[in-house]
Protein backbone atom coordinates (compact mmCIF):
# COMPACT_ATOMS: atom_id res chain seq x y z
CA MET A 1 -8.10 30.03 -2.92
CA THR A 2 -6.27 27.11 -1.30
CA GLU A 3 -8.42 24.03 -0.76
CA LYS A 4 -8.92 23.29 2.93
CA LEU A 5 -7.11 20.17 4.09
CA ARG A 6 -9.25 17.34 5.38
CA HIS A 7 -8.77 15.88 8.87
CA THR A 8 -9.12 12.23 9.84
CA PRO A 9 -11.25 11.31 12.89
CA LEU A 10 -7.97 10.99 14.83
CA HIS A 11 -6.68 14.49 14.13
CA ASP A 12 -7.19 15.76 17.68
CA ALA A 13 -5.37 12.72 19.09
CA HIS A 14 -2.39 13.44 16.84
CA VAL A 15 -2.29 17.07 17.97
CA ARG A 16 -2.38 16.03 21.64
CA ALA A 17 0.44 13.57 21.02
CA GLY A 18 2.63 16.31 19.53
CA ALA A 19 2.80 14.74 16.06
CA LYS A 20 4.40 16.66 13.22
CA LEU A 21 1.54 17.18 10.76
CA VAL A 22 1.96 17.66 7.02
CA GLU A 23 -0.20 17.91 3.90
CA PHE A 24 -0.63 14.59 2.12
CA ALA A 25 -3.08 13.92 -0.73
CA GLY A 26 -5.37 16.70 0.47
CA TRP A 27 -5.26 15.57 4.11
CA ARG A 28 -3.47 16.86 7.20
CA MET A 29 -1.59 13.77 8.37
CA PRO A 30 1.04 12.87 10.98
CA VAL A 31 4.43 12.29 9.39
CA GLN A 32 6.13 11.42 12.69
CA TYR A 33 5.75 11.50 16.47
CA SER A 34 8.95 10.56 18.34
CA GLY A 35 10.99 10.35 15.12
CA LEU A 36 10.98 8.38 11.89
CA ILE A 37 13.87 6.06 12.76
CA GLU A 38 12.55 5.24 16.24
CA GLU A 39 9.06 4.53 14.86
CA HIS A 40 10.42 2.40 12.01
CA ARG A 41 12.52 0.28 14.35
CA ALA A 42 9.63 -0.12 16.79
CA VAL A 43 7.54 -1.68 14.02
CA ARG A 44 10.32 -4.10 13.09
CA ALA A 45 11.01 -5.07 16.73
CA ALA A 46 7.63 -4.64 18.46
CA ALA A 47 4.70 -2.70 17.00
CA GLY A 48 3.57 0.61 15.58
CA LEU A 49 0.09 2.11 15.26
CA PHE A 50 -0.74 4.13 12.12
CA ASP A 51 -3.72 6.30 11.23
CA VAL A 52 -4.52 5.54 7.57
CA SER A 53 -8.08 6.82 7.61
CA HIS A 54 -7.29 8.95 4.56
CA MET A 55 -7.54 5.86 2.35
CA GLY A 56 -10.64 5.60 0.17
CA GLU A 57 -13.31 2.88 0.29
CA VAL A 58 -15.71 1.93 -2.49
CA ARG A 59 -18.59 -0.53 -2.04
CA VAL A 60 -19.49 -2.72 -5.02
CA ALA A 61 -22.59 -4.86 -4.54
CA GLY A 62 -25.35 -6.70 -6.34
CA GLU A 63 -25.87 -9.92 -8.27
CA GLY A 64 -23.53 -8.65 -10.99
CA ALA A 65 -20.76 -7.46 -8.64
CA GLU A 66 -18.44 -10.44 -9.10
CA ALA A 67 -18.65 -10.33 -12.90
CA PHE A 68 -18.14 -6.57 -12.86
CA LEU A 69 -14.99 -6.79 -10.71
CA GLN A 70 -13.70 -9.66 -12.85
CA ARG A 71 -13.89 -7.27 -15.80
CA MET A 72 -12.48 -4.25 -13.95
CA THR A 73 -9.51 -5.87 -12.16
CA PRO A 74 -6.78 -8.32 -13.32
CA ASN A 75 -6.77 -10.64 -10.30
CA ASP A 76 -9.31 -13.49 -10.11
CA VAL A 77 -12.28 -12.31 -8.05
CA ALA A 78 -14.10 -15.60 -8.70
CA LYS A 79 -11.55 -17.34 -6.46
CA LEU A 80 -11.90 -14.76 -3.67
CA ARG A 81 -13.97 -16.41 -0.93
CA PRO A 82 -16.02 -14.45 1.62
CA GLY A 83 -13.73 -13.45 4.49
CA ARG A 84 -10.75 -13.08 2.17
CA ALA A 85 -9.06 -10.12 0.48
CA HIS A 86 -6.53 -9.83 -2.31
CA TYR A 87 -4.23 -7.24 -3.84
CA SER A 88 -5.17 -6.10 -7.32
CA ALA A 89 -5.44 -3.06 -9.59
CA LEU A 90 -7.56 -0.89 -11.81
CA LEU A 91 -5.95 -0.82 -15.24
CA THR A 92 -6.31 1.32 -18.33
CA ALA A 93 -7.00 -0.21 -21.75
CA GLU A 94 -3.23 0.02 -22.28
CA GLY A 95 -2.59 -2.25 -19.29
CA THR A 96 -1.15 0.51 -17.10
CA TYR A 97 -2.23 1.54 -13.62
CA VAL A 98 -5.21 3.70 -12.76
CA ASP A 99 -4.51 2.62 -9.17
CA ASP A 100 -3.63 -0.37 -7.01
CA LEU A 101 -6.11 -1.55 -4.41
CA LEU A 102 -7.31 -4.24 -2.03
CA VAL A 103 -10.52 -6.14 -2.80
CA TYR A 104 -12.47 -7.60 0.17
CA ASN A 105 -15.23 -10.16 -0.35
CA LEU A 106 -17.77 -9.30 2.37
CA GLY A 107 -20.15 -12.04 1.26
CA ASP A 108 -23.65 -12.01 -0.25
CA GLY A 109 -22.45 -10.30 -3.42
CA GLU A 110 -20.85 -7.35 -1.57
CA TYR A 111 -17.24 -6.23 -1.98
CA LEU A 112 -15.19 -3.46 -0.38
CA LEU A 113 -12.42 -1.86 -2.44
CA VAL A 114 -9.72 0.07 -0.58
CA VAL A 115 -7.92 2.60 -2.77
CA ASN A 116 -5.22 5.25 -2.42
CA ALA A 117 -6.22 8.57 -0.90
CA ALA A 118 -4.89 10.66 -3.80
CA ASN A 119 -6.90 8.61 -6.31
CA ALA A 120 -10.05 7.90 -4.29
CA ALA A 121 -12.40 10.30 -6.09
CA ALA A 122 -11.04 9.40 -9.54
CA ASP A 123 -11.22 5.66 -8.79
CA TYR A 124 -14.85 5.96 -7.73
CA ARG A 125 -15.69 7.85 -10.93
CA TRP A 126 -13.83 5.25 -13.02
CA LEU A 127 -15.78 2.41 -11.45
CA ALA A 128 -19.13 4.23 -11.52
CA GLU A 129 -18.75 5.11 -15.20
CA HIS A 130 -17.97 1.52 -16.14
CA ALA A 131 -20.79 0.23 -13.94
CA GLY A 132 -23.28 2.37 -15.85
CA SER A 133 -23.61 -0.32 -18.52
CA ALA A 134 -23.42 -3.28 -16.11
CA ALA A 135 -26.55 -5.03 -14.91
CA GLY A 136 -27.13 -5.68 -11.22
CA VAL A 137 -24.20 -3.60 -9.94
CA GLU A 138 -24.23 -0.84 -7.35
CA VAL A 139 -21.11 1.29 -6.83
CA GLU A 140 -20.95 3.60 -3.82
CA ASP A 141 -18.24 5.79 -2.30
CA VAL A 142 -18.31 4.84 1.39
CA SER A 143 -15.03 6.48 2.43
CA ASP A 144 -16.74 8.65 5.05
CA GLU A 145 -18.14 5.55 6.77
CA TYR A 146 -14.72 4.23 7.77
CA ALA A 147 -11.78 5.12 9.93
CA LEU A 148 -8.78 2.87 9.32
CA LEU A 149 -6.06 2.03 11.86
CA ALA A 150 -3.04 -0.13 11.04
CA LEU A 151 -1.45 -2.06 13.92
CA GLN A 152 1.80 -3.46 12.54
CA GLY A 153 4.72 -5.45 13.92
CA PRO A 154 5.53 -8.81 15.54
CA SER A 155 3.79 -7.79 18.80
CA ALA A 156 0.56 -6.80 17.01
CA PRO A 157 -1.37 -10.01 17.84
CA GLN A 158 -0.37 -9.75 21.50
CA VAL A 159 -1.51 -6.12 21.68
CA LEU A 160 -4.84 -6.64 19.92
CA ARG A 161 -5.82 -9.96 21.51
CA GLY A 162 -7.05 -8.51 24.79
CA LEU A 163 -9.18 -5.85 23.08
CA THR A 164 -11.12 -7.92 20.55
CA ASP A 165 -13.48 -10.87 20.39
CA VAL A 166 -12.04 -11.85 16.99
CA ALA A 167 -10.10 -15.14 17.11
CA LEU A 168 -6.92 -13.64 15.68
CA ALA A 169 -5.13 -16.98 15.27
CA GLU A 170 -7.85 -18.00 12.80
CA VAL A 171 -7.41 -14.88 10.67
CA LYS A 172 -4.71 -15.76 8.17
CA ARG A 173 -2.77 -13.36 5.93
CA TYR A 174 -5.21 -11.51 3.66
CA GLY A 175 -8.10 -12.83 5.73
CA PHE A 176 -10.51 -10.75 7.81
CA ALA A 177 -13.32 -11.12 10.31
CA ARG A 178 -16.08 -8.96 11.73
CA GLY A 179 -16.11 -8.47 15.48
CA ARG A 180 -15.52 -5.88 18.17
CA VAL A 181 -12.43 -3.91 19.11
CA ASP A 182 -12.62 -2.06 22.43
CA GLY A 183 -16.35 -2.75 22.36
CA ALA A 184 -16.93 -1.14 18.95
CA GLU A 185 -17.99 -2.96 15.79
CA ALA A 186 -15.08 -3.39 13.39
CA ILE A 187 -13.58 -5.38 10.56
CA VAL A 188 -10.20 -6.83 11.56
CA SER A 189 -8.03 -7.62 8.54
CA ARG A 190 -4.63 -9.34 8.56
CA THR A 191 -3.11 -6.97 6.03
CA GLY A 192 -0.63 -4.10 6.05
CA TYR A 193 1.97 -2.08 4.20
CA THR A 194 5.11 -2.64 6.25
CA GLY A 195 6.35 -6.15 5.50
CA GLU A 196 5.46 -7.23 9.06
CA ASP A 197 2.62 -9.21 10.55
CA GLY A 198 -0.21 -7.01 11.66
CA PHE A 199 -3.81 -5.92 11.31
CA GLU A 200 -5.84 -3.17 9.73
CA ILE A 201 -8.94 -2.20 11.69
CA TYR A 202 -11.95 -0.70 9.88
CA ALA A 203 -14.33 1.05 12.26
CA ALA A 204 -16.87 3.83 12.34
CA PRO A 205 -15.26 7.29 12.59
CA ARG A 206 -17.01 7.95 15.92
CA ASP A 207 -15.24 4.93 17.44
CA ALA A 208 -11.77 5.61 16.05
CA GLU A 209 -10.31 7.68 18.88
CA GLY A 210 -11.43 5.23 21.58
CA ILE A 211 -9.86 2.31 19.70
CA TRP A 212 -6.67 4.31 19.06
CA GLU A 213 -6.21 5.22 22.73
CA ALA A 214 -7.08 1.71 23.94
CA LEU A 215 -4.52 0.12 21.60
CA LEU A 216 -1.78 2.54 22.65
CA GLU A 217 -2.49 1.89 26.34
CA ALA A 218 -2.62 -1.89 25.92
CA GLY A 219 0.48 -1.93 23.74
CA ARG A 220 2.75 0.31 25.77
CA PRO A 221 4.28 -2.58 27.80
CA ALA A 222 5.01 -4.42 24.54
CA GLY A 223 6.81 -1.43 23.00
CA LEU A 224 3.97 -0.15 20.79
CA VAL A 225 4.39 3.45 19.57
CA PRO A 226 2.25 5.71 17.37
CA ALA A 227 3.87 5.95 13.93
CA GLY A 228 3.52 8.36 11.03
CA LEU A 229 3.66 8.39 7.27
CA GLY A 230 7.45 8.78 7.29
CA ALA A 231 8.03 5.38 8.89
CA ARG A 232 5.25 3.87 6.79
CA ASP A 233 7.16 4.87 3.67
CA THR A 234 10.57 3.56 4.79
CA LEU A 235 8.98 0.30 5.99
CA ARG A 236 7.13 -0.32 2.71
CA LEU A 237 10.25 0.51 0.69
CA GLU A 238 12.33 -2.05 2.61
CA ALA A 239 9.58 -4.57 1.84
CA ALA A 240 9.60 -3.43 -1.84
CA MET A 241 5.89 -2.61 -1.81
CA ALA A 242 4.83 -0.40 -4.70
CA LEU A 243 3.61 3.15 -4.12
CA TYR A 244 1.31 4.79 -6.65
CA GLY A 245 2.99 7.79 -8.25
CA HIS A 246 6.40 6.20 -7.67
CA GLU A 247 6.71 2.54 -8.72
CA ILE A 248 3.35 2.39 -10.49
CA ASP A 249 1.31 4.89 -12.49
CA ARG A 250 -0.34 5.29 -15.90
CA THR A 251 2.99 4.62 -17.63
CA THR A 252 3.76 1.29 -15.92
CA THR A 253 2.33 -2.23 -16.25
CA PRO A 254 2.18 -4.96 -13.58
CA PHE A 255 4.71 -6.99 -15.59
CA GLU A 256 7.35 -4.24 -15.47
CA ALA A 257 6.68 -3.63 -11.78
CA GLY A 258 7.18 -7.28 -10.83
CA LEU A 259 3.49 -7.57 -9.96
CA ASP A 260 2.61 -10.11 -12.64
CA TRP A 261 1.29 -12.42 -9.87
CA THR A 262 -1.73 -10.10 -9.63
CA VAL A 263 -2.58 -10.68 -13.31
CA LYS A 264 -4.62 -13.80 -14.12
CA LEU A 265 -4.73 -13.85 -17.92
CA GLU A 266 -6.35 -17.28 -17.89
CA LYS A 267 -9.51 -16.03 -16.15
CA GLY A 268 -10.86 -14.39 -19.31
CA ASP A 269 -11.30 -10.83 -20.51
CA PHE A 270 -10.69 -7.77 -18.34
CA VAL A 271 -9.77 -4.14 -18.93
CA GLY A 272 -6.17 -4.02 -20.18
CA ARG A 273 -5.84 -7.77 -20.89
CA GLU A 274 -5.30 -7.45 -24.63
CA ALA A 275 -2.55 -4.87 -24.14
CA LEU A 276 -0.84 -6.98 -21.47
CA VAL A 277 -0.85 -10.07 -23.68
CA ALA A 278 0.74 -8.04 -26.49
CA ARG A 279 3.41 -6.62 -24.17
CA ARG A 280 4.25 -10.04 -22.79
CA GLU A 281 4.62 -11.49 -26.28
CA ALA A 282 6.81 -8.58 -27.38
CA GLY A 283 9.04 -8.95 -24.29
CA LEU A 284 9.73 -6.45 -21.52
CA GLU A 285 11.99 -3.50 -22.27
CA ARG A 286 12.48 -2.45 -18.65
CA ARG A 287 12.07 -3.83 -15.15
CA LEU A 288 11.80 -2.48 -11.64
CA VAL A 289 14.94 -3.34 -9.67
CA GLY A 290 16.27 -2.71 -6.20
CA PHE A 291 19.65 -1.14 -5.59
CA GLU A 292 21.90 -0.25 -2.69
CA VAL A 293 24.19 2.75 -2.64
CA THR A 294 27.76 1.58 -2.18
CA GLY A 295 29.22 4.99 -1.38
CA ARG A 296 28.12 7.94 0.73
CA GLY A 297 24.81 9.64 0.06
CA ILE A 298 21.13 8.82 -0.42
CA ALA A 299 19.28 8.33 -3.70
CA ARG A 300 15.88 10.02 -3.85
CA HIS A 301 12.79 9.91 -6.05
CA ASP A 302 13.42 11.12 -9.61
CA HIS A 303 17.23 11.08 -9.40
CA GLU A 304 18.76 9.98 -12.69
CA VAL A 305 20.07 6.42 -13.11
CA VAL A 306 23.16 6.10 -15.31
CA ALA A 307 25.03 3.09 -16.70
CA ASP A 308 28.24 3.36 -18.76
CA GLY A 309 27.80 7.12 -18.90
CA GLU A 310 24.29 6.92 -20.39
CA ALA A 311 21.03 7.85 -18.66
CA VAL A 312 18.93 4.68 -18.44
CA GLY A 313 16.16 5.52 -15.97
CA ARG A 314 15.11 7.35 -12.82
CA VAL A 315 14.81 6.42 -9.17
CA THR A 316 11.21 5.67 -8.20
CA SER A 317 11.84 5.60 -4.42
CA GLY A 318 14.96 6.00 -2.32
CA THR A 319 15.78 6.34 1.37
CA TRP A 320 18.23 5.55 4.13
CA SER A 321 17.16 2.21 5.62
CA PRO A 322 16.91 2.19 9.44
CA THR A 323 16.93 -1.63 9.39
CA PHE A 324 20.05 -2.14 7.24
CA GLU A 325 21.68 1.23 7.96
CA LYS A 326 22.44 1.89 4.32
CA ALA A 327 20.86 3.79 1.44
CA LEU A 328 18.44 1.75 -0.66
CA GLY A 329 16.16 2.45 -3.58
CA MET A 330 14.18 1.18 -6.54
CA ALA A 331 14.31 2.18 -10.19
CA TYR A 332 13.23 1.08 -13.65
CA VAL A 333 16.16 0.06 -15.84
CA PRO A 334 16.49 -1.75 -19.18
CA VAL A 335 16.14 -5.53 -18.82
CA ALA A 336 19.79 -5.97 -19.82
CA LEU A 337 20.80 -4.04 -16.67
CA ALA A 338 18.43 -5.77 -14.26
CA ALA A 339 20.73 -8.61 -13.16
CA THR A 340 21.82 -8.72 -9.52
CA GLY A 341 25.22 -7.08 -9.09
CA THR A 342 24.96 -4.71 -12.06
CA ARG A 343 26.79 -1.46 -11.36
CA LEU A 344 24.84 1.78 -11.65
CA GLU A 345 25.36 5.48 -10.99
CA ILE A 346 22.78 7.74 -9.37
CA ARG A 347 23.10 11.39 -10.41
CA TRP A 348 21.47 14.66 -9.44
CA LYS A 349 22.77 18.18 -9.93
CA GLN A 350 26.56 17.82 -9.75
CA ARG A 351 26.60 14.77 -7.47
CA SER A 352 27.11 11.12 -8.37
CA LEU A 353 26.61 8.00 -6.25
CA GLU A 354 27.80 4.48 -6.95
CA ALA A 355 25.18 1.76 -6.60
CA ARG A 356 24.57 -1.86 -7.49
CA VAL A 357 21.46 -3.90 -8.25
CA VAL A 358 20.33 -6.20 -5.41
CA ASP A 359 17.48 -8.67 -4.99
CA LEU A 360 14.00 -7.55 -3.94
CA PRO A 361 12.52 -7.36 -1.42
CA PHE A 362 15.28 -5.87 0.68
CA TYR A 363 13.50 -7.07 3.84
CA ARG A 364 11.59 -10.28 4.56
CA LYS A 365 9.83 -10.89 7.86
CA GLY A 366 11.83 -13.20 10.11
């Protein structure tokens, strides 16, 4: 029997808007509305509004919460002040990814962890099992308590300002504040997954549709459009943001993925630290690189990467970039082939594409 797909609190709004809905991580989600390219370019030039309510949320609280998260994640939770969030990970003992996540310090010993939809249940179990031996720690899956909207693009502050009592200018990147949006209680966070300025709005599911419609109405004069998972993926790839199951998984470490800035070895022990120290001392064998296709065609996930006639890796993500109007991608290759300008071949079936290594990220805001 096929498992029934879950719906976000905004499902009916997506249907009314004529969105193309697809299965994603056990959810029925909008992949596009007016079209992927139009939505992508709207986010770069003005603003886009995404429903990302499928993401998972885990509450970690108690007098032992900080120490517990210091042990469970590689970034330094002790330096995370209330009202701030940071990007981090859950790692295996081998130093590879269980998942990547955001950690929010809500204050008074309470933290909110935002995890990937496909891993939400497993992440909660991972944390709960490890918390079993930790004193003064409560771990709770609170995913059903939140709807999550992402308002992204240079016009995002302008669109949101008239609908919230949060002083947006005081909310810096990776900062957040509690307040109201369209009259409903919410957490407004200056975070996102597009490489643009913008906000993620955490609200009760019952309030989600009202906030969604109010934002679209307020943002229409500024060029705001509803956007789906298709544009979210092309936007994050241009910004070289890792996607679990593509750039990161249980075979990859933060060092290989270029995410070593999330690993604070000096803070003391944490799950995976010993393995990461050993890997760093031994030297990296491979690195994640960006590439552009120099001929015709598009590289896609899992296409083979070839150098001098020898298979050296596989594409982790690939697409045609609406911003640069060329085919771009990322792949793991041996360190010796990671230098900018290195020539590569991308192969699948009987086709072959010429490509070359370029600097990451492909896109930087401004």
